[in-house]
Amino acid sequence: MSTTTLRHPNLDILLSKHIVLEDKEKARLISELSLDDKRYLGNYLIDEELFLNTEKKSVYPDTRKPLDGKLTFGDTTYVDGVEVFVNNKE
């Protein structure tokens, strides 16, 4: 005699590979799970070393650029961690 345990349909969605959810959708799916289902989800993700991928929607453009070793904060400039003094007199 076999016993079958029914899983919450949200678990099937959350554990699906190659699916990306928005943060709100992921939170809604998880909030509808029972405490046991949440424990199962957490333990499964830890055991499989998986992450729930979410789609990040940013209203700001990506202005990141690679560091070139020269940083400027206001009037002070640093090159490789050393303050550089600029002499504009010629």
Protein backbone atom coordinates (compact mmCIF):
# COMPACT_ATOMS: atom_id res chain seq x y z
CA MET A 1 0.00 0.00 0.00
CA SER A 2 1.53 3.29 -1.01
CA THR A 3 0.75 6.64 0.46
CA THR A 4 0.97 9.73 -1.66
CA THR A 5 1.49 13.18 -0.30
CA LEU A 6 -0.03 15.99 -2.27
CA ARG A 7 2.22 18.97 -2.76
CA HIS A 8 0.93 22.48 -2.94
CA PRO A 9 0.78 23.60 -6.60
CA ASN A 10 2.88 26.65 -5.69
CA LEU A 11 5.75 24.31 -4.76
CA ASP A 12 5.74 22.97 -8.30
CA ILE A 13 6.03 26.51 -9.65
CA LEU A 14 8.73 27.57 -7.16
CA LEU A 15 10.81 24.43 -7.74
CA SER A 16 10.55 24.58 -11.53
CA LYS A 17 13.87 25.06 -13.24
CA HIS A 18 14.32 27.79 -15.85
CA ILE A 19 11.54 29.95 -14.44
CA VAL A 20 12.08 33.53 -13.37
CA LEU A 21 9.52 35.23 -11.15
CA GLU A 22 9.08 38.82 -10.11
CA ASP A 23 9.71 39.54 -6.42
CA LYS A 24 6.01 40.16 -5.74
CA GLU A 25 4.97 36.93 -7.45
CA LYS A 26 7.57 34.89 -5.56
CA ALA A 27 6.46 36.43 -2.25
CA ARG A 28 2.80 35.71 -3.05
CA LEU A 29 3.52 32.08 -3.94
CA ILE A 30 5.54 31.51 -0.77
CA SER A 31 2.98 33.27 1.45
CA GLU A 32 0.29 30.83 0.29
CA LEU A 33 2.33 27.78 1.40
CA SER A 34 1.72 26.00 4.67
CA LEU A 35 4.46 25.99 7.31
CA ASP A 36 5.43 22.41 6.39
CA ASP A 37 5.62 23.32 2.70
CA LYS A 38 7.82 26.33 3.53
CA ARG A 39 10.14 24.07 5.54
CA TYR A 40 10.26 21.58 2.67
CA LEU A 41 11.05 24.36 0.19
CA GLY A 42 13.82 25.77 2.37
CA ASN A 43 15.40 22.37 3.04
CA TYR A 44 15.18 21.41 -0.63
CA LEU A 45 16.89 24.63 -1.74
CA ILE A 46 19.64 24.18 0.85
CA ASP A 47 20.23 20.52 -0.04
CA GLU A 48 20.33 21.21 -3.77
CA GLU A 49 22.24 24.50 -3.34
CA LEU A 50 19.64 26.27 -5.46
CA PHE A 51 18.31 29.82 -5.47
CA LEU A 52 14.91 31.17 -6.44
CA ASN A 53 15.67 33.50 -9.33
CA THR A 54 13.75 36.73 -9.45
CA GLU A 55 13.56 39.36 -12.12
CA LYS A 56 14.83 42.73 -10.95
CA LYS A 57 13.12 45.72 -12.48
CA SER A 58 15.14 48.85 -11.96
CA VAL A 59 13.95 52.33 -12.71
CA TYR A 60 17.54 53.56 -12.79
CA PRO A 61 19.85 52.95 -15.75
CA ASP A 62 22.88 50.76 -15.14
CA THR A 63 25.72 53.26 -14.76
CA ARG A 64 28.31 50.78 -13.51
CA LYS A 65 31.65 50.77 -15.26
CA PRO A 66 34.88 48.91 -14.53
CA LEU A 67 37.27 50.46 -12.03
CA ASP A 68 40.46 51.84 -13.50
CA GLY A 69 42.33 52.41 -10.23
CA LYS A 70 41.44 56.12 -10.09
CA LEU A 71 38.68 57.27 -7.75
CA THR A 72 37.47 60.80 -7.16
CA PHE A 73 35.47 62.07 -4.19
CA GLY A 74 34.69 65.75 -4.59
CA ASP A 75 37.96 67.68 -4.90
CA THR A 76 40.15 64.81 -3.67
CA THR A 77 41.47 62.20 -6.11
CA TYR A 78 42.93 58.82 -5.17
CA VAL A 79 45.06 56.59 -7.38
CA ASP A 80 45.67 53.07 -6.04
CA GLY A 81 44.61 54.21 -2.56
CA VAL A 82 47.03 57.14 -2.40
CA GLU A 83 45.78 60.72 -2.41
CA VAL A 84 46.91 62.64 -5.48
CA PHE A 85 47.43 66.39 -5.36
CA VAL A 86 46.79 68.24 -8.59
CA ASN A 87 48.75 71.42 -9.22
CA ASN A 88 47.01 73.56 -11.82
CA LYS A 89 49.73 76.20 -11.83
CA GLU A 90 51.94 76.32 -14.87
